[in-house]
Amino acid sequence: MPVVSPGEFTFAAIGLDHGHIYGMCNGLLEAGGELAWVYDPDQVKTSAFLKAFPQARLARSEDEALLDPRVRLIAGACIASERCDLGIRAMSAGKDFFSDKPPLTTLEQLQEAKEAVKRTRRKYMVYYSERVHVETAVFAGQLIEEGAIGKVIQVLCLGPHRLNAGSRPEWFFKKQKYGGILCDIGSHNVEQILYYCGARDAKVSFSRIANYNHPEYPELDDFGEASFICENGAVGYCRVDWFTPDGIQAWGDGRSIILGTDGFIEQRKYVNHPIAKARGLH
């Protein structure tokens, strides 16, 4: 349901390097927002975007969107390593910033973003689509909040993805640009672990990355795993990879198991199990 009235919340899209920008804008529009501008230096990307969102105007420059007094938020999905700089420019212009994941790629950028938030008093938010834009994931959070499984003591997250190497841009295979597999797609799982465990912080107790089967892309991590101990004593584990086979109907069979003191919740978010389909549970 819309949470704002028509004309109350105007936003702009800047940076179209990742397709998540479409889901980000769809979510904002579903909430009642109005998309005013789009900007990216790549005309091919902006042309495709305008076909999907014809209500947007093509900005002649980034500043045309940033300096529009009607715009309250900038949604950005530029190259991962460039998102922090875009966010700081947006907040310095008086706008909140809604970033694709990962929202930054280095600890230095994290500190810069925190300082900019404190200085500008604007918001720096992240599109963790695997939780905030998946109904089963939202429902799991509601059940936990209601106490359906008691106190959460462990969260296991599996995040397999299909590589589709031929369709990926060059920056996708440069670690300085994408940040590594645990920074990139692993950030989804870390966010879910913290959220479902009800924790704001955690310590990494183990992590590992590898390139098992893609020597042609030496900077690509095709496998990653990590375990965490949350500040409240709950624990988490995530595994991410680029080994989803072509035969799978979705881009990845993402799953999570949330263990509580009174029960557990298992999510299979993107692939319908045949038993569930037969019982009408998909």
C-alpha atoms as a PDB file:
ATOM      1  CA  MET A   1       0.000   0.000   0.000  1.00  0.00           C
ATOM      2  CA  PRO A   2       1.251   3.542  -0.708  1.00  0.00           C
ATOM      3  CA  VAL A   3       2.705   5.252   2.338  1.00  0.00           C
ATOM      4  CA  VAL A   4       2.852   8.768   0.860  1.00  0.00           C
ATOM      5  CA  SER A   5       0.308  10.932  -0.959  1.00  0.00           C
ATOM      6  CA  PRO A   6       0.670  11.912  -4.632  1.00  0.00           C
ATOM      7  CA  GLY A   7       3.373  14.540  -5.016  1.00  0.00           C
ATOM      8  CA  GLU A   8       4.620  14.121  -1.459  1.00  0.00           C
ATOM      9  CA  PHE A   9       7.793  12.159  -2.216  1.00  0.00           C
ATOM     10  CA  THR A  10       9.803  12.770  -5.392  1.00  0.00           C
ATOM     11  CA  PHE A  11      12.981  10.846  -6.205  1.00  0.00           C
ATOM     12  CA  ALA A  12      15.551  10.515  -8.973  1.00  0.00           C
ATOM     13  CA  ALA A  13      17.661   7.632 -10.309  1.00  0.00           C
ATOM     14  CA  ILE A  14      21.382   8.202 -10.898  1.00  0.00           C
ATOM     15  CA  GLY A  15      23.710   5.387 -11.983  1.00  0.00           C
ATOM     16  CA  LEU A  16      22.327   2.449 -13.946  1.00  0.00           C
ATOM     17  CA  ASP A  17      25.278   0.045 -13.914  1.00  0.00           C
ATOM     18  CA  HIS A  18      23.344  -2.688 -12.090  1.00  0.00           C
ATOM     19  CA  GLY A  19      19.874  -3.933 -12.959  1.00  0.00           C
ATOM     20  CA  HIS A  20      18.779  -3.667  -9.330  1.00  0.00           C
ATOM     21  CA  ILE A  21      17.918  -0.030 -10.071  1.00  0.00           C
ATOM     22  CA  TYR A  22      14.704  -1.288 -11.688  1.00  0.00           C
ATOM     23  CA  GLY A  23      13.603  -3.090  -8.523  1.00  0.00           C
ATOM     24  CA  MET A  24      14.624  -0.115  -6.404  1.00  0.00           C
ATOM     25  CA  CYS A  25      12.507   2.272  -8.452  1.00  0.00           C
ATOM     26  CA  ASN A  26       9.584  -0.158  -8.620  1.00  0.00           C
ATOM     27  CA  GLY A  27       9.572  -0.421  -4.845  1.00  0.00           C
ATOM     28  CA  LEU A  28       9.636   3.355  -4.402  1.00  0.00           C
ATOM     29  CA  LEU A  29       6.804   3.780  -6.924  1.00  0.00           C
ATOM     30  CA  GLU A  30       4.729   1.085  -5.210  1.00  0.00           C
ATOM     31  CA  ALA A  31       5.154   3.024  -1.963  1.00  0.00           C
ATOM     32  CA  GLY A  32       3.678   6.110  -3.628  1.00  0.00           C
ATOM     33  CA  GLY A  33       6.850   7.919  -4.705  1.00  0.00           C
ATOM     34  CA  GLU A  34       7.155   9.839  -7.969  1.00  0.00           C
ATOM     35  CA  LEU A  35      10.155   9.360 -10.254  1.00  0.00           C
ATOM     36  CA  ALA A  36      11.237  12.724 -11.655  1.00  0.00           C
ATOM     37  CA  TRP A  37      14.679  12.245 -13.212  1.00  0.00           C
ATOM     38  CA  VAL A  38      17.146   9.672 -14.467  1.00  0.00           C
ATOM     39  CA  TYR A  39      20.817  10.253 -15.239  1.00  0.00           C
ATOM     40  CA  ASP A  40      23.620   8.041 -16.479  1.00  0.00           C
ATOM     41  CA  PRO A  41      26.374   8.889 -18.993  1.00  0.00           C
ATOM     42  CA  ASP A  42      25.506   5.731 -20.967  1.00  0.00           C
ATOM     43  CA  GLN A  43      22.692   6.544 -23.407  1.00  0.00           C
ATOM     44  CA  VAL A  44      21.944   2.858 -24.024  1.00  0.00           C
ATOM     45  CA  LYS A  45      21.197   2.379 -20.335  1.00  0.00           C
ATOM     46  CA  THR A  46      19.081   5.519 -20.048  1.00  0.00           C
ATOM     47  CA  SER A  47      17.069   4.616 -23.176  1.00  0.00           C
ATOM     48  CA  ALA A  48      16.202   1.194 -21.730  1.00  0.00           C
ATOM     49  CA  PHE A  49      15.358   2.758 -18.373  1.00  0.00           C
ATOM     50  CA  LEU A  50      13.030   5.335 -19.932  1.00  0.00           C
ATOM     51  CA  LYS A  51      11.156   2.582 -21.765  1.00  0.00           C
ATOM     52  CA  ALA A  52      10.445   0.961 -18.393  1.00  0.00           C
ATOM     53  CA  PHE A  53       9.779   4.272 -16.608  1.00  0.00           C
ATOM     54  CA  PRO A  54       8.483   6.764 -19.201  1.00  0.00           C
ATOM     55  CA  GLN A  55       7.383   9.180 -16.484  1.00  0.00           C
ATOM     56  CA  ALA A  56      11.025  10.062 -15.746  1.00  0.00           C
ATOM     57  CA  ARG A  57      12.831  12.906 -17.501  1.00  0.00           C
ATOM     58  CA  LEU A  58      16.348  12.459 -18.817  1.00  0.00           C
ATOM     59  CA  ALA A  59      18.663  14.795 -16.912  1.00  0.00           C
ATOM     60  CA  ARG A  60      21.350  16.570 -18.936  1.00  0.00           C
ATOM     61  CA  SER A  61      23.754  16.207 -16.016  1.00  0.00           C
ATOM     62  CA  GLU A  62      23.907  14.678 -12.570  1.00  0.00           C
ATOM     63  CA  ASP A  63      23.481  18.133 -11.028  1.00  0.00           C
ATOM     64  CA  GLU A  64      20.175  18.677 -12.792  1.00  0.00           C
ATOM     65  CA  ALA A  65      18.718  15.873 -10.680  1.00  0.00           C
ATOM     66  CA  LEU A  66      20.730  16.581  -7.535  1.00  0.00           C
ATOM     67  CA  LEU A  67      19.829  20.274  -7.427  1.00  0.00           C
ATOM     68  CA  ASP A  68      16.089  19.917  -8.109  1.00  0.00           C
ATOM     69  CA  PRO A  69      14.466  21.119  -4.851  1.00  0.00           C
ATOM     70  CA  ARG A  70      11.543  18.737  -5.332  1.00  0.00           C
ATOM     71  CA  VAL A  71      13.793  15.669  -5.196  1.00  0.00           C
ATOM     72  CA  ARG A  72      14.047  14.191  -1.709  1.00  0.00           C
ATOM     73  CA  LEU A  73      15.950  10.982  -2.463  1.00  0.00           C
ATOM     74  CA  ILE A  74      18.516   9.697  -4.958  1.00  0.00           C
ATOM     75  CA  ALA A  75      18.395   6.008  -5.915  1.00  0.00           C
ATOM     76  CA  GLY A  76      21.752   4.831  -7.237  1.00  0.00           C
ATOM     77  CA  ALA A  77      23.138   1.617  -8.727  1.00  0.00           C
ATOM     78  CA  CYS A  78      26.400   2.748 -10.257  1.00  0.00           C
ATOM     79  CA  ILE A  79      29.601   0.659 -10.090  1.00  0.00           C
ATOM     80  CA  ALA A  80      29.894  -0.660  -6.544  1.00  0.00           C
ATOM     81  CA  SER A  81      33.145   1.123  -5.706  1.00  0.00           C
ATOM     82  CA  GLU A  82      31.623   4.449  -6.837  1.00  0.00           C
ATOM     83  CA  ARG A  83      28.421   4.295  -4.772  1.00  0.00           C
ATOM     84  CA  CYS A  84      29.876   5.896  -1.678  1.00  0.00           C
ATOM     85  CA  ASP A  85      31.011   8.982  -3.583  1.00  0.00           C
ATOM     86  CA  LEU A  86      27.587   9.289  -5.205  1.00  0.00           C
ATOM     87  CA  GLY A  87      25.935   8.945  -1.812  1.00  0.00           C
ATOM     88  CA  ILE A  88      28.084  11.682  -0.318  1.00  0.00           C
ATOM     89  CA  ARG A  89      27.284  13.987  -3.255  1.00  0.00           C
ATOM     90  CA  ALA A  90      23.584  13.264  -2.821  1.00  0.00           C
ATOM     91  CA  MET A  91      23.595  13.897   0.926  1.00  0.00           C
ATOM     92  CA  SER A  92      25.676  17.056   0.480  1.00  0.00           C
ATOM     93  CA  ALA A  93      22.944  18.268  -1.883  1.00  0.00           C
ATOM     94  CA  GLY A  94      20.338  17.721   0.839  1.00  0.00           C
ATOM     95  CA  LYS A  95      18.962  14.410  -0.467  1.00  0.00           C
ATOM     96  CA  ASP A  96      18.681  11.036   1.213  1.00  0.00           C
ATOM     97  CA  PHE A  97      20.551   8.248  -0.598  1.00  0.00           C
ATOM     98  CA  PHE A  98      19.193   4.807  -1.510  1.00  0.00           C
ATOM     99  CA  SER A  99      22.054   2.590  -2.690  1.00  0.00           C
ATOM    100  CA  ASP A 100      22.128  -0.755  -4.379  1.00  0.00           C
ATOM    101  CA  LYS A 101      24.069  -3.353  -2.436  1.00  0.00           C
ATOM    102  CA  PRO A 102      26.886  -3.314  -1.596  1.00  0.00           C
ATOM    103  CA  PRO A 103      26.651   0.353  -0.593  1.00  0.00           C
ATOM    104  CA  LEU A 104      30.450   0.691  -0.547  1.00  0.00           C
ATOM    105  CA  THR A 105      33.536  -1.501  -0.917  1.00  0.00           C
ATOM    106  CA  THR A 106      36.150  -0.382   1.632  1.00  0.00           C
ATOM    107  CA  LEU A 107      36.356   0.438   5.333  1.00  0.00           C
ATOM    108  CA  GLU A 108      37.657   3.882   4.387  1.00  0.00           C
ATOM    109  CA  GLN A 109      34.475   4.526   2.408  1.00  0.00           C
ATOM    110  CA  LEU A 110      32.429   3.326   5.369  1.00  0.00           C
ATOM    111  CA  GLN A 111      34.044   5.925   7.598  1.00  0.00           C
ATOM    112  CA  GLU A 112      33.532   8.635   4.972  1.00  0.00           C
ATOM    113  CA  ALA A 113      29.857   7.709   4.659  1.00  0.00           C
ATOM    114  CA  LYS A 114      29.351   7.770   8.428  1.00  0.00           C
ATOM    115  CA  GLU A 115      30.960  11.194   8.663  1.00  0.00           C
ATOM    116  CA  ALA A 116      28.790  12.500   5.810  1.00  0.00           C
ATOM    117  CA  VAL A 117      25.628  11.190   7.479  1.00  0.00           C
ATOM    118  CA  LYS A 118      26.595  12.925  10.706  1.00  0.00           C
ATOM    119  CA  ARG A 119      27.479  16.155   8.904  1.00  0.00           C
ATOM    120  CA  THR A 120      24.437  16.340   6.603  1.00  0.00           C
ATOM    121  CA  ARG A 121      21.892  14.540   8.830  1.00  0.00           C
ATOM    122  CA  ARG A 122      20.659  12.710   5.748  1.00  0.00           C
ATOM    123  CA  LYS A 123      19.957   8.992   5.382  1.00  0.00           C
ATOM    124  CA  TYR A 124      22.203   6.460   3.605  1.00  0.00           C
ATOM    125  CA  MET A 125      20.061   3.378   2.951  1.00  0.00           C
ATOM    126  CA  VAL A 126      20.698   0.097   1.151  1.00  0.00           C
ATOM    127  CA  TYR A 127      18.539  -2.019  -1.143  1.00  0.00           C
ATOM    128  CA  TYR A 128      18.989  -5.484   0.362  1.00  0.00           C
ATOM    129  CA  SER A 129      16.448  -6.919  -2.057  1.00  0.00           C
ATOM    130  CA  GLU A 130      16.768 -10.511  -0.860  1.00  0.00           C
ATOM    131  CA  ARG A 131      15.036  -9.482   2.375  1.00  0.00           C
ATOM    132  CA  VAL A 132      13.118  -6.242   1.822  1.00  0.00           C
ATOM    133  CA  HIS A 133      11.686  -7.168  -1.606  1.00  0.00           C
ATOM    134  CA  VAL A 134      10.848 -10.856  -1.059  1.00  0.00           C
ATOM    135  CA  GLU A 135       7.506 -11.651   0.563  1.00  0.00           C
ATOM    136  CA  THR A 136       8.672 -14.803   2.352  1.00  0.00           C
ATOM    137  CA  ALA A 137      11.594 -12.907   3.877  1.00  0.00           C
ATOM    138  CA  VAL A 138       9.342 -10.089   5.087  1.00  0.00           C
ATOM    139  CA  PHE A 139       6.876 -12.630   6.491  1.00  0.00           C
ATOM    140  CA  ALA A 140       9.668 -14.439   8.327  1.00  0.00           C
ATOM    141  CA  GLY A 141      10.596 -11.166  10.017  1.00  0.00           C
ATOM    142  CA  GLN A 142       6.982 -10.631  11.061  1.00  0.00           C
ATOM    143  CA  LEU A 143       6.769 -14.142  12.536  1.00  0.00           C
ATOM    144  CA  ILE A 144       9.978 -13.610  14.501  1.00  0.00           C
ATOM    145  CA  GLU A 145       8.708 -10.274  15.821  1.00  0.00           C
ATOM    146  CA  GLU A 146       5.511 -12.002  16.958  1.00  0.00           C
ATOM    147  CA  GLY A 147       7.550 -14.593  18.850  1.00  0.00           C
ATOM    148  CA  ALA A 148       6.430 -17.526  16.687  1.00  0.00           C
ATOM    149  CA  ILE A 149       9.752 -19.388  17.042  1.00  0.00           C
ATOM    150  CA  GLY A 150      10.941 -17.929  20.327  1.00  0.00           C
ATOM    151  CA  LYS A 151      14.388 -16.392  20.594  1.00  0.00           C
ATOM    152  CA  VAL A 152      16.480 -16.694  17.427  1.00  0.00           C
ATOM    153  CA  ILE A 153      19.772 -18.441  18.148  1.00  0.00           C
ATOM    154  CA  GLN A 154      21.125 -19.225  14.667  1.00  0.00           C
ATOM    155  CA  VAL A 155      20.610 -18.163  11.048  1.00  0.00           C
ATOM    156  CA  LEU A 156      21.998 -20.128   8.088  1.00  0.00           C
ATOM    157  CA  CYS A 157      21.951 -18.386   4.685  1.00  0.00           C
ATOM    158  CA  LEU A 158      22.773 -19.869   1.296  1.00  0.00           C
ATOM    159  CA  GLY A 159      23.129 -17.454  -1.632  1.00  0.00           C
ATOM    160  CA  PRO A 160      24.008 -19.266  -4.862  1.00  0.00           C
ATOM    161  CA  HIS A 161      23.936 -17.157  -8.037  1.00  0.00           C
ATOM    162  CA  ARG A 162      24.233 -17.757 -11.772  1.00  0.00           C
ATOM    163  CA  LEU A 163      27.334 -16.122 -13.221  1.00  0.00           C
ATOM    164  CA  ASN A 164      26.189 -15.395 -16.802  1.00  0.00           C
ATOM    165  CA  ALA A 165      29.736 -14.254 -17.467  1.00  0.00           C
ATOM    166  CA  GLY A 166      29.089 -13.228 -21.056  1.00  0.00           C
ATOM    167  CA  SER A 167      26.521 -10.626 -20.032  1.00  0.00           C
ATOM    168  CA  ARG A 168      28.578  -9.082 -17.232  1.00  0.00           C
ATOM    169  CA  PRO A 169      30.393  -5.758 -17.656  1.00  0.00           C
ATOM    170  CA  GLU A 170      34.168  -5.598 -17.337  1.00  0.00           C
ATOM    171  CA  TRP A 171      34.051  -3.958 -13.891  1.00  0.00           C
ATOM    172  CA  PHE A 172      32.205  -6.985 -12.495  1.00  0.00           C
ATOM    173  CA  PHE A 173      35.451  -8.987 -12.666  1.00  0.00           C
ATOM    174  CA  LYS A 174      37.682  -6.350 -11.026  1.00  0.00           C
ATOM    175  CA  LYS A 175      37.917  -6.794  -7.266  1.00  0.00           C
ATOM    176  CA  GLN A 176      38.644  -3.125  -6.655  1.00  0.00           C
ATOM    177  CA  LYS A 177      35.375  -2.336  -8.458  1.00  0.00           C
ATOM    178  CA  TYR A 178      32.989  -4.953  -7.046  1.00  0.00           C
ATOM    179  CA  GLY A 179      34.611  -5.517  -3.643  1.00  0.00           C
ATOM    180  CA  GLY A 180      34.806  -9.326  -3.611  1.00  0.00           C
ATOM    181  CA  ILE A 181      32.059 -11.923  -3.294  1.00  0.00           C
ATOM    182  CA  LEU A 182      31.495 -11.523   0.458  1.00  0.00           C
ATOM    183  CA  CYS A 183      31.233  -7.754   0.081  1.00  0.00           C
ATOM    184  CA  ASP A 184      28.971  -8.028  -2.954  1.00  0.00           C
ATOM    185  CA  ILE A 185      26.358 -10.788  -2.784  1.00  0.00           C
ATOM    186  CA  GLY A 186      27.478 -11.846   0.690  1.00  0.00           C
ATOM    187  CA  SER A 187      26.241  -8.531   2.088  1.00  0.00           C
ATOM    188  CA  HIS A 188      22.674  -9.739   1.488  1.00  0.00           C
ATOM    189  CA  ASN A 189      23.225 -12.675   3.815  1.00  0.00           C
ATOM    190  CA  VAL A 190      25.067 -10.718   6.483  1.00  0.00           C
ATOM    191  CA  GLU A 191      22.174  -8.250   6.609  1.00  0.00           C
ATOM    192  CA  GLN A 192      19.680 -11.089   7.006  1.00  0.00           C
ATOM    193  CA  ILE A 193      21.717 -12.678   9.791  1.00  0.00           C
ATOM    194  CA  LEU A 194      21.825  -9.419  11.741  1.00  0.00           C
ATOM    195  CA  TYR A 195      18.147  -8.654  11.113  1.00  0.00           C
ATOM    196  CA  TYR A 196      16.722 -12.047  12.012  1.00  0.00           C
ATOM    197  CA  CYS A 197      19.024 -12.386  15.026  1.00  0.00           C
ATOM    198  CA  GLY A 198      17.922  -8.961  16.257  1.00  0.00           C
ATOM    199  CA  ALA A 199      21.521  -7.705  16.395  1.00  0.00           C
ATOM    200  CA  ARG A 200      23.161  -4.461  15.285  1.00  0.00           C
ATOM    201  CA  ASP A 201      26.709  -5.842  15.212  1.00  0.00           C
ATOM    202  CA  ALA A 202      28.627  -9.105  14.984  1.00  0.00           C
ATOM    203  CA  LYS A 203      32.186 -10.401  14.907  1.00  0.00           C
ATOM    204  CA  VAL A 204      33.528 -12.474  12.040  1.00  0.00           C
ATOM    205  CA  SER A 205      34.772 -15.760  13.472  1.00  0.00           C
ATOM    206  CA  PHE A 206      35.730 -17.347  10.133  1.00  0.00           C
ATOM    207  CA  SER A 207      35.731 -16.385   6.461  1.00  0.00           C
ATOM    208  CA  ARG A 208      37.093 -17.798   3.235  1.00  0.00           C
ATOM    209  CA  ILE A 209      37.028 -16.927  -0.455  1.00  0.00           C
ATOM    210  CA  ALA A 210      38.224 -18.885  -3.471  1.00  0.00           C
ATOM    211  CA  ASN A 211      38.289 -18.997  -7.249  1.00  0.00           C
ATOM    212  CA  TYR A 212      37.651 -22.679  -7.924  1.00  0.00           C
ATOM    213  CA  ASN A 213      36.678 -22.775 -11.570  1.00  0.00           C
ATOM    214  CA  HIS A 214      37.200 -19.456 -13.343  1.00  0.00           C
ATOM    215  CA  PRO A 215      40.937 -18.982 -14.001  1.00  0.00           C
ATOM    216  CA  GLU A 216      40.074 -16.712 -16.951  1.00  0.00           C
ATOM    217  CA  TYR A 217      38.832 -14.183 -14.365  1.00  0.00           C
ATOM    218  CA  PRO A 218      41.665 -14.152 -11.801  1.00  0.00           C
ATOM    219  CA  GLU A 219      40.112 -11.382  -9.669  1.00  0.00           C
ATOM    220  CA  LEU A 220      36.733 -13.116  -9.387  1.00  0.00           C
ATOM    221  CA  ASP A 221      35.766 -14.902  -6.181  1.00  0.00           C
ATOM    222  CA  ASP A 222      33.396 -17.668  -7.286  1.00  0.00           C
ATOM    223  CA  PHE A 223      32.952 -19.022  -3.730  1.00  0.00           C
ATOM    224  CA  GLY A 224      32.777 -17.432  -0.309  1.00  0.00           C
ATOM    225  CA  GLU A 225      31.699 -18.385   3.188  1.00  0.00           C
ATOM    226  CA  ALA A 226      31.739 -16.777   6.615  1.00  0.00           C
ATOM    227  CA  SER A 227      30.489 -17.321  10.161  1.00  0.00           C
ATOM    228  CA  PHE A 228      29.534 -14.693  12.711  1.00  0.00           C
ATOM    229  CA  ILE A 229      28.925 -14.281  16.422  1.00  0.00           C
ATOM    230  CA  CYS A 230      26.337 -11.587  17.072  1.00  0.00           C
ATOM    231  CA  GLU A 231      26.520  -9.147  19.956  1.00  0.00           C
ATOM    232  CA  ASN A 232      23.535 -10.858  21.609  1.00  0.00           C
ATOM    233  CA  GLY A 233      25.063 -14.348  21.426  1.00  0.00           C
ATOM    234  CA  ALA A 234      23.214 -15.610  18.346  1.00  0.00           C
ATOM    235  CA  VAL A 235      25.323 -17.040  15.543  1.00  0.00           C
ATOM    236  CA  GLY A 236      25.155 -17.002  11.758  1.00  0.00           C
ATOM    237  CA  TYR A 237      26.719 -18.656   8.726  1.00  0.00           C
ATOM    238  CA  CYS A 238      26.517 -17.737   5.053  1.00  0.00           C
ATOM    239  CA  ARG A 239      27.732 -19.331   1.845  1.00  0.00           C
ATOM    240  CA  VAL A 240      27.643 -17.577  -1.510  1.00  0.00           C
ATOM    241  CA  ASP A 241      28.825 -18.748  -4.921  1.00  0.00           C
ATOM    242  CA  TRP A 242      28.564 -18.311  -8.685  1.00  0.00           C
ATOM    243  CA  PHE A 243      27.787 -21.955  -9.482  1.00  0.00           C
ATOM    244  CA  THR A 244      24.033 -21.991 -10.181  1.00  0.00           C
ATOM    245  CA  PRO A 245      23.616 -24.277 -13.238  1.00  0.00           C
ATOM    246  CA  ASP A 246      21.679 -23.212 -16.317  1.00  0.00           C
ATOM    247  CA  GLY A 247      18.990 -25.805 -15.640  1.00  0.00           C
ATOM    248  CA  ILE A 248      17.729 -24.033 -12.511  1.00  0.00           C
ATOM    249  CA  GLN A 249      14.619 -21.974 -13.276  1.00  0.00           C
ATOM    250  CA  ALA A 250      15.807 -18.982 -11.236  1.00  0.00           C
ATOM    251  CA  TRP A 251      19.096 -17.102 -10.955  1.00  0.00           C
ATOM    252  CA  GLY A 252      19.792 -18.933  -7.692  1.00  0.00           C
ATOM    253  CA  ASP A 253      18.143 -21.261  -5.189  1.00  0.00           C
ATOM    254  CA  GLY A 254      18.517 -18.904  -2.227  1.00  0.00           C
ATOM    255  CA  ARG A 255      17.611 -20.413   1.136  1.00  0.00           C
ATOM    256  CA  SER A 256      17.773 -19.643   4.822  1.00  0.00           C
ATOM    257  CA  ILE A 257      17.042 -21.539   8.010  1.00  0.00           C
ATOM    258  CA  ILE A 258      16.233 -19.497  11.092  1.00  0.00           C
ATOM    259  CA  LEU A 259      16.481 -21.522  14.304  1.00  0.00           C
ATOM    260  CA  GLY A 260      14.646 -20.350  17.387  1.00  0.00           C
ATOM    261  CA  THR A 261      14.196 -21.719  20.882  1.00  0.00           C
ATOM    262  CA  ASP A 262      10.582 -22.719  20.068  1.00  0.00           C
ATOM    263  CA  GLY A 263      10.801 -23.680  16.418  1.00  0.00           C
ATOM    264  CA  PHE A 264      12.389 -22.794  13.099  1.00  0.00           C
ATOM    265  CA  ILE A 265      11.596 -21.111   9.793  1.00  0.00           C
ATOM    266  CA  GLU A 266      12.960 -22.375   6.491  1.00  0.00           C
ATOM    267  CA  GLN A 267      12.827 -20.168   3.409  1.00  0.00           C
ATOM    268  CA  ARG A 268      13.315 -21.291  -0.157  1.00  0.00           C
ATOM    269  CA  LYS A 269      12.793 -17.947  -1.808  1.00  0.00           C
ATOM    270  CA  TYR A 270      13.233 -18.329  -5.555  1.00  0.00           C
ATOM    271  CA  VAL A 271      12.652 -21.971  -6.488  1.00  0.00           C
ATOM    272  CA  ASN A 272       9.344 -23.678  -5.738  1.00  0.00           C
ATOM    273  CA  HIS A 273       9.709 -27.145  -4.245  1.00  0.00           C
ATOM    274  CA  PRO A 274       7.474 -29.673  -6.085  1.00  0.00           C
ATOM    275  CA  ILE A 275       5.752 -30.760  -2.833  1.00  0.00           C
ATOM    276  CA  ALA A 276       4.971 -27.140  -1.959  1.00  0.00           C
ATOM    277  CA  LYS A 277       3.598 -26.540  -5.449  1.00  0.00           C
ATOM    278  CA  ALA A 278       1.391 -29.628  -5.213  1.00  0.00           C
ATOM    279  CA  ARG A 279      -0.057 -28.388  -1.910  1.00  0.00           C
ATOM    280  CA  GLY A 280      -0.587 -24.864  -3.175  1.00  0.00           C
ATOM    281  CA  LEU A 281       2.047 -23.434  -0.837  1.00  0.00           C
ATOM    282  CA  HIS A 282       4.263 -21.759  -3.447  1.00  0.00           C
END
